Amino acid sequence: MFEGLNLGDMSKMLEQVQEKAREVQEQAKNVEMTTRAGGGLIELTANGTGEVIDLQIDDSLLEDKESLQILLISAVNEINKMVEDNKKSQALGVMGGMNPFAAS
């Protein structure tokens, strides 16, 4: 089952993956994702690590606490989904082309 599997090569590959993962994590800080809720009444921006970096709230919502809460929840949930999707995409990119079971 593990014939031809070179543990030295696997170790090098693991080091490469770890280094690439560190690079991707650093790059994620520079990625910005923005979502809007309520037709643009709320605009929320986060970086690729999930850190919220900007929030815009239309003045018309300041008098309607319930709507503000609903729209904020919607925007936060959407930005979290966007960040997770981005992380999954980046993880696939890190692993792309690296198959430890491929014959050398």
PDB file of N, CA and C in Angstrom:
ATOM      1  N   MET A   1       0.809  -1.198   0.000  1.00  0.00           N
ATOM      2  CA  MET A   1       0.000   0.000   0.000  1.00  0.00           C
ATOM      3  C   MET A   1       0.856   1.268   0.000  1.00  0.00           C
ATOM      4  N   PHE A   2       1.947   1.267   0.749  1.00  0.00           N
ATOM      5  CA  PHE A   2       2.793   2.449   0.827  1.00  0.00           C
ATOM      6  C   PHE A   2       4.106   2.256   0.084  1.00  0.00           C
ATOM      7  N   GLU A   3       4.128   1.331  -0.871  1.00  0.00           N
ATOM      8  CA  GLU A   3       5.345   1.093  -1.642  1.00  0.00           C
ATOM      9  C   GLU A   3       5.691   2.332  -2.443  1.00  0.00           C
ATOM     10  N   GLY A   4       6.951   2.643  -2.492  1.00  0.00           N
ATOM     11  CA  GLY A   4       7.412   3.788  -3.262  1.00  0.00           C
ATOM     12  C   GLY A   4       7.171   5.125  -2.585  1.00  0.00           C
ATOM     13  N   LEU A   5       6.664   5.103  -1.362  1.00  0.00           N
ATOM     14  CA  LEU A   5       6.397   6.337  -0.628  1.00  0.00           C
ATOM     15  C   LEU A   5       7.684   6.765   0.065  1.00  0.00           C
ATOM     16  N   ASN A   6       8.211   7.903  -0.304  1.00  0.00           N
ATOM     17  CA  ASN A   6       9.459   8.405   0.240  1.00  0.00           C
ATOM     18  C   ASN A   6       9.138   9.396   1.361  1.00  0.00           C
ATOM     19  N   LEU A   7       9.459   9.011   2.599  1.00  0.00           N
ATOM     20  CA  LEU A   7       9.137   9.865   3.743  1.00  0.00           C
ATOM     21  C   LEU A   7       9.919  11.178   3.727  1.00  0.00           C
ATOM     22  N   GLY A   8      11.117  11.150   3.156  1.00  0.00           N
ATOM     23  CA  GLY A   8      11.890  12.389   3.036  1.00  0.00           C
ATOM     24  C   GLY A   8      11.186  13.389   2.134  1.00  0.00           C
ATOM     25  N   ASP A   9      10.645  12.871   1.025  1.00  0.00           N
ATOM     26  CA  ASP A   9       9.891  13.748   0.114  1.00  0.00           C
ATOM     27  C   ASP A   9       8.636  14.274   0.792  1.00  0.00           C
ATOM     28  N   MET A  10       7.978  13.420   1.568  1.00  0.00           N
ATOM     29  CA  MET A  10       6.763  13.843   2.271  1.00  0.00           C
ATOM     30  C   MET A  10       7.094  14.949   3.263  1.00  0.00           C
ATOM     31  N   SER A  11       8.215  14.835   3.944  1.00  0.00           N
ATOM     32  CA  SER A  11       8.623  15.850   4.913  1.00  0.00           C
ATOM     33  C   SER A  11       8.873  17.181   4.214  1.00  0.00           C
ATOM     34  N   LYS A  12       9.560  17.138   3.074  1.00  0.00           N
ATOM     35  CA  LYS A  12       9.809  18.363   2.311  1.00  0.00           C
ATOM     36  C   LYS A  12       8.494  18.977   1.838  1.00  0.00           C
ATOM     37  N   MET A  13       7.589  18.106   1.384  1.00  0.00           N
ATOM     38  CA  MET A  13       6.304  18.585   0.905  1.00  0.00           C
ATOM     39  C   MET A  13       5.525  19.243   2.034  1.00  0.00           C
ATOM     40  N   LEU A  14       5.566  18.643   3.220  1.00  0.00           N
ATOM     41  CA  LEU A  14       4.875  19.201   4.366  1.00  0.00           C
ATOM     42  C   LEU A  14       5.448  20.575   4.722  1.00  0.00           C
ATOM     43  N   GLU A  15       6.753  20.708   4.672  1.00  0.00           N
ATOM     44  CA  GLU A  15       7.388  22.005   4.939  1.00  0.00           C
ATOM     45  C   GLU A  15       6.937  23.046   3.921  1.00  0.00           C
ATOM     46  N   GLN A  16       6.846  22.629   2.647  1.00  0.00           N
ATOM     47  CA  GLN A  16       6.406  23.549   1.596  1.00  0.00           C
ATOM     48  C   GLN A  16       4.960  23.988   1.839  1.00  0.00           C
ATOM     49  N   VAL A  17       4.113  23.037   2.218  1.00  0.00           N
ATOM     50  CA  VAL A  17       2.713  23.347   2.478  1.00  0.00           C
ATOM     51  C   VAL A  17       2.599  24.306   3.657  1.00  0.00           C
ATOM     52  N   GLN A  18       3.371  24.063   4.707  1.00  0.00           N
ATOM     53  CA  GLN A  18       3.330  24.939   5.879  1.00  0.00           C
ATOM     54  C   GLN A  18       3.791  26.354   5.523  1.00  0.00           C
ATOM     55  N   GLU A  19       4.832  26.458   4.722  1.00  0.00           N
ATOM     56  CA  GLU A  19       5.332  27.767   4.310  1.00  0.00           C
ATOM     57  C   GLU A  19       4.295  28.478   3.443  1.00  0.00           C
ATOM     58  N   LYS A  20       3.697  27.746   2.525  1.00  0.00           N
ATOM     59  CA  LYS A  20       2.669  28.327   1.659  1.00  0.00           C
ATOM     60  C   LYS A  20       1.465  28.781   2.495  1.00  0.00           C
ATOM     61  N   ALA A  21       1.094  27.983   3.496  1.00  0.00           N
ATOM     62  CA  ALA A  21      -0.032  28.341   4.365  1.00  0.00           C
ATOM     63  C   ALA A  21       0.264  29.636   5.113  1.00  0.00           C
ATOM     64  N   ARG A  22       1.497  29.805   5.575  1.00  0.00           N
ATOM     65  CA  ARG A  22       1.879  31.054   6.258  1.00  0.00           C
ATOM     66  C   ARG A  22       1.777  32.241   5.301  1.00  0.00           C
ATOM     67  N   GLU A  23       2.226  32.040   4.058  1.00  0.00           N
ATOM     68  CA  GLU A  23       2.149  33.108   3.061  1.00  0.00           C
ATOM     69  C   GLU A  23       0.694  33.487   2.784  1.00  0.00           C
ATOM     70  N   VAL A  24      -0.143  32.478   2.621  1.00  0.00           N
ATOM     71  CA  VAL A  24      -1.558  32.711   2.333  1.00  0.00           C
ATOM     72  C   VAL A  24      -2.211  33.449   3.490  1.00  0.00           C
ATOM     73  N   GLN A  25      -1.865  33.084   4.720  1.00  0.00           N
ATOM     74  CA  GLN A  25      -2.438  33.748   5.890  1.00  0.00           C
ATOM     75  C   GLN A  25      -2.035  35.218   5.927  1.00  0.00           C
ATOM     76  N   GLU A  26      -0.798  35.509   5.583  1.00  0.00           N
ATOM     77  CA  GLU A  26      -0.347  36.905   5.533  1.00  0.00           C
ATOM     78  C   GLU A  26      -1.080  37.667   4.438  1.00  0.00           C
ATOM     79  N   GLN A  27      -1.238  37.020   3.278  1.00  0.00           N
ATOM     80  CA  GLN A  27      -1.926  37.663   2.164  1.00  0.00           C
ATOM     81  C   GLN A  27      -3.395  37.916   2.493  1.00  0.00           C
ATOM     82  N   ALA A  28      -3.981  37.037   3.298  1.00  0.00           N
ATOM     83  CA  ALA A  28      -5.401  37.168   3.651  1.00  0.00           C
ATOM     84  C   ALA A  28      -5.677  38.484   4.361  1.00  0.00           C
ATOM     85  N   LYS A  29      -4.691  39.003   5.053  1.00  0.00           N
ATOM     86  CA  LYS A  29      -4.875  40.277   5.745  1.00  0.00           C
ATOM     87  C   LYS A  29      -5.103  41.424   4.760  1.00  0.00           C
ATOM     88  N   ASN A  30      -4.636  41.233   3.516  1.00  0.00           N
ATOM     89  CA  ASN A  30      -4.760  42.281   2.500  1.00  0.00           C
ATOM     90  C   ASN A  30      -5.999  42.126   1.625  1.00  0.00           C
ATOM     91  N   VAL A  31      -6.711  41.013   1.776  1.00  0.00           N
ATOM     92  CA  VAL A  31      -7.926  40.782   0.998  1.00  0.00           C
ATOM     93  C   VAL A  31      -9.076  41.485   1.704  1.00  0.00           C
ATOM     94  N   GLU A  32      -9.887  42.187   0.935  1.00  0.00           N
ATOM     95  CA  GLU A  32     -11.060  42.857   1.516  1.00  0.00           C
ATOM     96  C   GLU A  32     -12.319  42.323   0.848  1.00  0.00           C
ATOM     97  N   MET A  33     -13.312  42.014   1.669  1.00  0.00           N
ATOM     98  CA  MET A  33     -14.605  41.561   1.189  1.00  0.00           C
ATOM     99  C   MET A  33     -15.661  42.478   1.787  1.00  0.00           C
ATOM    100  N   THR A  34     -16.619  42.852   0.961  1.00  0.00           N
ATOM    101  CA  THR A  34     -17.672  43.757   1.411  1.00  0.00           C
ATOM    102  C   THR A  34     -19.028  43.151   1.100  1.00  0.00           C
ATOM    103  N   THR A  35     -19.936  43.283   2.040  1.00  0.00           N
ATOM    104  CA  THR A  35     -21.321  42.864   1.823  1.00  0.00           C
ATOM    105  C   THR A  35     -22.236  44.013   2.208  1.00  0.00           C
ATOM    106  N   ARG A  36     -23.406  43.993   1.606  1.00  0.00           N
ATOM    107  CA  ARG A  36     -24.401  45.024   1.893  1.00  0.00           C
ATOM    108  C   ARG A  36     -25.694  44.347   2.331  1.00  0.00           C
ATOM    109  N   ALA A  37     -26.414  44.992   3.203  1.00  0.00           N
ATOM    110  CA  ALA A  37     -27.712  44.485   3.660  1.00  0.00           C
ATOM    111  C   ALA A  37     -28.714  45.628   3.596  1.00  0.00           C
ATOM    112  N   GLY A  38     -29.977  45.267   3.422  1.00  0.00           N
ATOM    113  CA  GLY A  38     -31.031  46.281   3.389  1.00  0.00           C
ATOM    114  C   GLY A  38     -30.894  47.224   2.214  1.00  0.00           C
ATOM    115  N   GLY A  39     -30.498  46.669   1.070  1.00  0.00           N
ATOM    116  CA  GLY A  39     -30.367  47.523  -0.114  1.00  0.00           C
ATOM    117  C   GLY A  39     -29.251  48.547   0.018  1.00  0.00           C
ATOM    118  N   GLY A  40     -28.255  48.237   0.820  1.00  0.00           N
ATOM    119  CA  GLY A  40     -27.124  49.142   0.991  1.00  0.00           C
ATOM    120  C   GLY A  40     -27.198  50.019   2.224  1.00  0.00           C
ATOM    121  N   LEU A  41     -28.219  49.829   3.046  1.00  0.00           N
ATOM    122  CA  LEU A  41     -28.321  50.621   4.277  1.00  0.00           C
ATOM    123  C   LEU A  41     -27.208  50.266   5.253  1.00  0.00           C
ATOM    124  N   ILE A  42     -26.746  49.009   5.171  1.00  0.00           N
ATOM    125  CA  ILE A  42     -25.610  48.546   5.972  1.00  0.00           C
ATOM    126  C   ILE A  42     -24.550  48.072   4.992  1.00  0.00           C
ATOM    127  N   GLU A  43     -23.311  48.482   5.217  1.00  0.00           N
ATOM    128  CA  GLU A  43     -22.194  48.001   4.406  1.00  0.00           C
ATOM    129  C   GLU A  43     -21.091  47.567   5.365  1.00  0.00           C
ATOM    130  N   LEU A  44     -20.695  46.307   5.259  1.00  0.00           N
ATOM    131  CA  LEU A  44     -19.721  45.723   6.181  1.00  0.00           C
ATOM    132  C   LEU A  44     -18.541  45.192   5.380  1.00  0.00           C
ATOM    133  N   THR A  45     -17.341  45.549   5.785  1.00  0.00           N
ATOM    134  CA  THR A  45     -16.121  45.102   5.111  1.00  0.00           C
ATOM    135  C   THR A  45     -15.227  44.394   6.117  1.00  0.00           C
ATOM    136  N   ALA A  46     -14.697  43.252   5.690  1.00  0.00           N
ATOM    137  CA  ALA A  46     -13.766  42.474   6.528  1.00  0.00           C
ATOM    138  C   ALA A  46     -12.581  42.074   5.670  1.00  0.00           C
ATOM    139  N   ASN A  47     -11.479  41.750   6.343  1.00  0.00           N
ATOM    140  CA  ASN A  47     -10.335  41.228   5.598  1.00  0.00           C
ATOM    141  C   ASN A  47     -10.450  39.703   5.537  1.00  0.00           C
ATOM    142  N   GLY A  48      -9.510  39.076   4.869  1.00  0.00           N
ATOM    143  CA  GLY A  48      -9.548  37.635   4.659  1.00  0.00           C
ATOM    144  C   GLY A  48      -9.380  36.805   5.913  1.00  0.00           C
ATOM    145  N   THR A  49      -8.981  37.423   7.012  1.00  0.00           N
ATOM    146  CA  THR A  49      -8.868  36.684   8.270  1.00  0.00           C
ATOM    147  C   THR A  49     -10.144  36.798   9.098  1.00  0.00           C
ATOM    148  N   GLY A  50     -11.105  37.585   8.589  1.00  0.00           N
ATOM    149  CA  GLY A  50     -12.378  37.736   9.294  1.00  0.00           C
ATOM    150  C   GLY A  50     -12.457  38.949  10.185  1.00  0.00           C
ATOM    151  N   GLU A  51     -11.426  39.748  10.196  1.00  0.00           N
ATOM    152  CA  GLU A  51     -11.420  40.955  11.016  1.00  0.00           C
ATOM    153  C   GLU A  51     -12.249  42.043  10.325  1.00  0.00           C
ATOM    154  N   VAL A  52     -13.243  42.572  11.019  1.00  0.00           N
ATOM    155  CA  VAL A  52     -14.055  43.647  10.467  1.00  0.00           C
ATOM    156  C   VAL A  52     -13.208  44.914  10.412  1.00  0.00           C
ATOM    157  N   ILE A  53     -13.147  45.507   9.230  1.00  0.00           N
ATOM    158  CA  ILE A  53     -12.303  46.690   9.067  1.00  0.00           C
ATOM    159  C   ILE A  53     -13.100  47.954   8.748  1.00  0.00           C
ATOM    160  N   ASP A  54     -14.392  47.782   8.405  1.00  0.00           N
ATOM    161  CA  ASP A  54     -15.212  48.968   8.163  1.00  0.00           C
ATOM    162  C   ASP A  54     -16.684  48.595   8.292  1.00  0.00           C
ATOM    163  N   LEU A  55     -17.463  49.540   8.781  1.00  0.00           N
ATOM    164  CA  LEU A  55     -18.909  49.371   8.918  1.00  0.00           C
ATOM    165  C   LEU A  55     -19.556  50.718   8.636  1.00  0.00           C
ATOM    166  N   GLN A  56     -20.458  50.727   7.669  1.00  0.00           N
ATOM    167  CA  GLN A  56     -21.207  51.940   7.336  1.00  0.00           C
ATOM    168  C   GLN A  56     -22.683  51.665   7.623  1.00  0.00           C
ATOM    169  N   ILE A  57     -23.328  52.581   8.343  1.00  0.00           N
ATOM    170  CA  ILE A  57     -24.741  52.451   8.674  1.00  0.00           C
ATOM    171  C   ILE A  57     -25.435  53.722   8.207  1.00  0.00           C
ATOM    172  N   ASP A  58     -26.456  53.542   7.374  1.00  0.00           N
ATOM    173  CA  ASP A  58     -27.231  54.670   6.895  1.00  0.00           C
ATOM    174  C   ASP A  58     -27.934  55.334   8.082  1.00  0.00           C
ATOM    175  N   ASP A  59     -27.943  56.652   8.110  1.00  0.00           N
ATOM    176  CA  ASP A  59     -28.548  57.405   9.210  1.00  0.00           C
ATOM    177  C   ASP A  59     -30.020  57.058   9.437  1.00  0.00           C
ATOM    178  N   SER A  60     -30.707  56.654   8.385  1.00  0.00           N
ATOM    179  CA  SER A  60     -32.139  56.344   8.524  1.00  0.00           C
ATOM    180  C   SER A  60     -32.386  55.158   9.453  1.00  0.00           C
ATOM    181  N   LEU A  61     -31.378  54.326   9.666  1.00  0.00           N
ATOM    182  CA  LEU A  61     -31.536  53.163  10.544  1.00  0.00           C
ATOM    183  C   LEU A  61     -31.348  53.500  12.019  1.00  0.00           C
ATOM    184  N   LEU A  62     -30.816  54.653  12.294  1.00  0.00           N
ATOM    185  CA  LEU A  62     -30.504  54.997  13.679  1.00  0.00           C
ATOM    186  C   LEU A  62     -31.753  55.177  14.542  1.00  0.00           C
ATOM    187  N   GLU A  63     -32.879  55.375  13.908  1.00  0.00           N
ATOM    188  CA  GLU A  63     -34.147  55.528  14.639  1.00  0.00           C
ATOM    189  C   GLU A  63     -34.928  54.219  14.723  1.00  0.00           C
ATOM    190  N   ASP A  64     -34.428  53.166  14.069  1.00  0.00           N
ATOM    191  CA  ASP A  64     -35.144  51.889  13.998  1.00  0.00           C
ATOM    192  C   ASP A  64     -34.222  50.765  14.472  1.00  0.00           C
ATOM    193  N   LYS A  65     -34.149  50.622  15.782  1.00  0.00           N
ATOM    194  CA  LYS A  65     -33.233  49.669  16.393  1.00  0.00           C
ATOM    195  C   LYS A  65     -33.449  48.240  15.901  1.00  0.00           C
ATOM    196  N   GLU A  66     -34.707  47.813  15.795  1.00  0.00           N
ATOM    197  CA  GLU A  66     -34.995  46.435  15.389  1.00  0.00           C
ATOM    198  C   GLU A  66     -34.496  46.153  13.969  1.00  0.00           C
ATOM    199  N   SER A  67     -34.756  47.057  13.054  1.00  0.00           N
ATOM    200  CA  SER A  67     -34.270  46.883  11.676  1.00  0.00           C
ATOM    201  C   SER A  67     -32.750  46.908  11.637  1.00  0.00           C
ATOM    202  N   LEU A  68     -32.155  47.798  12.390  1.00  0.00           N
ATOM    203  CA  LEU A  68     -30.696  47.879  12.456  1.00  0.00           C
ATOM    204  C   LEU A  68     -30.108  46.556  12.922  1.00  0.00           C
ATOM    205  N   GLN A  69     -30.686  45.981  13.973  1.00  0.00           N
ATOM    206  CA  GLN A  69     -30.201  44.710  14.490  1.00  0.00           C
ATOM    207  C   GLN A  69     -30.326  43.599  13.452  1.00  0.00           C
ATOM    208  N   ILE A  70     -31.467  43.517  12.794  1.00  0.00           N
ATOM    209  CA  ILE A  70     -31.695  42.476  11.789  1.00  0.00           C
ATOM    210  C   ILE A  70     -30.705  42.606  10.630  1.00  0.00           C
ATOM    211  N   LEU A  71     -30.518  43.825  10.161  1.00  0.00           N
ATOM    212  CA  LEU A  71     -29.609  44.035   9.034  1.00  0.00           C
ATOM    213  C   LEU A  71     -28.152  43.796   9.423  1.00  0.00           C
ATOM    214  N   LEU A  72     -27.783  44.169  10.643  1.00  0.00           N
ATOM    215  CA  LEU A  72     -26.416  43.895  11.107  1.00  0.00           C
ATOM    216  C   LEU A  72     -26.165  42.391  11.199  1.00  0.00           C
ATOM    217  N   ILE A  73     -27.114  41.659  11.730  1.00  0.00           N
ATOM    218  CA  ILE A  73     -26.978  40.203  11.827  1.00  0.00           C
ATOM    219  C   ILE A  73     -26.818  39.604  10.434  1.00  0.00           C
ATOM    220  N   SER A  74     -27.635  40.054   9.513  1.00  0.00           N
ATOM    221  CA  SER A  74     -27.568  39.565   8.139  1.00  0.00           C
ATOM    222  C   SER A  74     -26.195  39.845   7.520  1.00  0.00           C
ATOM    223  N   ALA A  75     -25.703  41.061   7.694  1.00  0.00           N
ATOM    224  CA  ALA A  75     -24.409  41.441   7.125  1.00  0.00           C
ATOM    225  C   ALA A  75     -23.268  40.656   7.759  1.00  0.00           C
ATOM    226  N   VAL A  76     -23.306  40.486   9.071  1.00  0.00           N
ATOM    227  CA  VAL A  76     -22.250  39.732   9.765  1.00  0.00           C
ATOM    228  C   VAL A  76     -22.250  38.275   9.309  1.00  0.00           C
ATOM    229  N   ASN A  77     -23.428  37.672   9.204  1.00  0.00           N
ATOM    230  CA  ASN A  77     -23.511  36.286   8.744  1.00  0.00           C
ATOM    231  C   ASN A  77     -22.978  36.140   7.326  1.00  0.00           C
ATOM    232  N   GLU A  78     -23.320  37.078   6.469  1.00  0.00           N
ATOM    233  CA  GLU A  78     -22.865  37.016   5.077  1.00  0.00           C
ATOM    234  C   GLU A  78     -21.357  37.205   4.984  1.00  0.00           C
ATOM    235  N   ILE A  79     -20.798  38.141   5.739  1.00  0.00           N
ATOM    236  CA  ILE A  79     -19.352  38.358   5.660  1.00  0.00           C
ATOM    237  C   ILE A  79     -18.609  37.158   6.224  1.00  0.00           C
ATOM    238  N   ASN A  80     -19.157  36.522   7.267  1.00  0.00           N
ATOM    239  CA  ASN A  80     -18.526  35.313   7.805  1.00  0.00           C
ATOM    240  C   ASN A  80     -18.506  34.209   6.765  1.00  0.00           C
ATOM    241  N   LYS A  81     -19.591  34.053   6.010  1.00  0.00           N
ATOM    242  CA  LYS A  81     -19.648  33.047   4.955  1.00  0.00           C
ATOM    243  C   LYS A  81     -18.619  33.356   3.871  1.00  0.00           C
ATOM    244  N   MET A  82     -18.508  34.623   3.500  1.00  0.00           N
ATOM    245  CA  MET A  82     -17.547  35.018   2.477  1.00  0.00           C
ATOM    246  C   MET A  82     -16.113  34.715   2.928  1.00  0.00           C
ATOM    247  N   VAL A  83     -15.808  35.007   4.186  1.00  0.00           N
ATOM    248  CA  VAL A  83     -14.467  34.756   4.724  1.00  0.00           C
ATOM    249  C   VAL A  83     -14.179  33.251   4.723  1.00  0.00           C
ATOM    250  N   GLU A  84     -15.131  32.443   5.160  1.00  0.00           N
ATOM    251  CA  GLU A  84     -14.943  30.983   5.180  1.00  0.00           C
ATOM    252  C   GLU A  84     -14.752  30.425   3.779  1.00  0.00           C
ATOM    253  N   ASP A  85     -15.551  30.901   2.832  1.00  0.00           N
ATOM    254  CA  ASP A  85     -15.406  30.452   1.444  1.00  0.00           C
ATOM    255  C   ASP A  85     -14.030  30.828   0.905  1.00  0.00           C
ATOM    256  N   ASN A  86     -13.570  32.019   1.247  1.00  0.00           N
ATOM    257  CA  ASN A  86     -12.246  32.453   0.810  1.00  0.00           C
ATOM    258  C   ASN A  86     -11.151  31.575   1.428  1.00  0.00           C
ATOM    259  N   LYS A  87     -11.306  31.244   2.709  1.00  0.00           N
ATOM    260  CA  LYS A  87     -10.313  30.385   3.374  1.00  0.00           C
ATOM    261  C   LYS A  87     -10.269  29.011   2.725  1.00  0.00           C
ATOM    262  N   LYS A  88     -11.441  28.457   2.401  1.00  0.00           N
ATOM    263  CA  LYS A  88     -11.484  27.142   1.748  1.00  0.00           C
ATOM    264  C   LYS A  88     -10.808  27.203   0.388  1.00  0.00           C
ATOM    265  N   SER A  89     -11.084  28.250  -0.339  1.00  0.00           N
ATOM    266  CA  SER A  89     -10.477  28.423  -1.658  1.00  0.00           C
ATOM    267  C   SER A  89      -8.957  28.527  -1.542  1.00  0.00           C
ATOM    268  N   GLN A  90      -8.490  29.289  -0.561  1.00  0.00           N
ATOM    269  CA  GLN A  90      -7.051  29.435  -0.353  1.00  0.00           C
ATOM    270  C   GLN A  90      -6.410  28.110   0.058  1.00  0.00           C
ATOM    271  N   ALA A  91      -7.104  27.341   0.899  1.00  0.00           N
ATOM    272  CA  ALA A  91      -6.576  26.046   1.340  1.00  0.00           C
ATOM    273  C   ALA A  91      -6.429  25.100   0.159  1.00  0.00           C
ATOM    274  N   LEU A  92      -7.405  25.108  -0.738  1.00  0.00           N
ATOM    275  CA  LEU A  92      -7.309  24.267  -1.933  1.00  0.00           C
ATOM    276  C   LEU A  92      -6.136  24.707  -2.794  1.00  0.00           C
ATOM    277  N   GLY A  93      -5.903  26.009  -2.851  1.00  0.00           N
ATOM    278  CA  GLY A  93      -4.763  26.523  -3.607  1.00  0.00           C
ATOM    279  C   GLY A  93      -3.435  26.095  -3.019  1.00  0.00           C
ATOM    280  N   VAL A  94      -3.361  26.039  -1.695  1.00  0.00           N
ATOM    281  CA  VAL A  94      -2.125  25.619  -1.018  1.00  0.00           C
ATOM    282  C   VAL A  94      -1.826  24.164  -1.353  1.00  0.00           C
ATOM    283  N   MET A  95      -2.870  23.348  -1.368  1.00  0.00           N
ATOM    284  CA  MET A  95      -2.691  21.914  -1.616  1.00  0.00           C
ATOM    285  C   MET A  95      -2.645  21.587  -3.110  1.00  0.00           C
ATOM    286  N   GLY A  96      -3.037  22.514  -3.937  1.00  0.00           N
ATOM    287  CA  GLY A  96      -3.104  22.263  -5.374  1.00  0.00           C
ATOM    288  C   GLY A  96      -1.787  21.739  -5.936  1.00  0.00           C
ATOM    289  N   GLY A  97      -1.881  20.648  -6.654  1.00  0.00           N
ATOM    290  CA  GLY A  97      -0.700  20.097  -7.322  1.00  0.00           C
ATOM    291  C   GLY A  97       0.208  19.277  -6.421  1.00  0.00           C
ATOM    292  N   MET A  98      -0.137  19.121  -5.180  1.00  0.00           N
ATOM    293  CA  MET A  98       0.707  18.334  -4.273  1.00  0.00           C
ATOM    294  C   MET A  98      -0.013  17.043  -3.915  1.00  0.00           C
ATOM    295  N   ASN A  99       0.452  15.954  -4.461  1.00  0.00           N
ATOM    296  CA  ASN A  99      -0.150  14.659  -4.185  1.00  0.00           C
ATOM    297  C   ASN A  99       0.930  13.749  -3.604  1.00  0.00           C
ATOM    298  N   PRO A 100       0.847  13.457  -2.315  1.00  0.00           N
ATOM    299  CA  PRO A 100       1.901  12.645  -1.679  1.00  0.00           C
ATOM    300  C   PRO A 100       1.892  11.205  -2.174  1.00  0.00           C
ATOM    301  N   PHE A 101       0.844  10.784  -2.861  1.00  0.00           N
ATOM    302  CA  PHE A 101       0.752   9.405  -3.310  1.00  0.00           C
ATOM    303  C   PHE A 101       1.061   9.243  -4.779  1.00  0.00           C
ATOM    304  N   ALA A 102       1.397  10.340  -5.431  1.00  0.00           N
ATOM    305  CA  ALA A 102       1.737  10.250  -6.858  1.00  0.00           C
ATOM    306  C   ALA A 102       3.108   9.617  -7.022  1.00  0.00           C
ATOM    307  N   ALA A 103       3.251   8.819  -8.074  1.00  0.00           N
ATOM    308  CA  ALA A 103       4.525   8.161  -8.343  1.00  0.00           C
ATOM    309  C   ALA A 103       5.527   9.196  -8.818  1.00  0.00           C
ATOM    310  N   SER A 104       6.746   9.118  -8.322  1.00  0.00           N
ATOM    311  CA  SER A 104       7.769  10.081  -8.713  1.00  0.00           C
ATOM    312  C   SER A 104       8.517   9.601  -9.919  1.00  0.00           C
TER     313      SER A 104
END
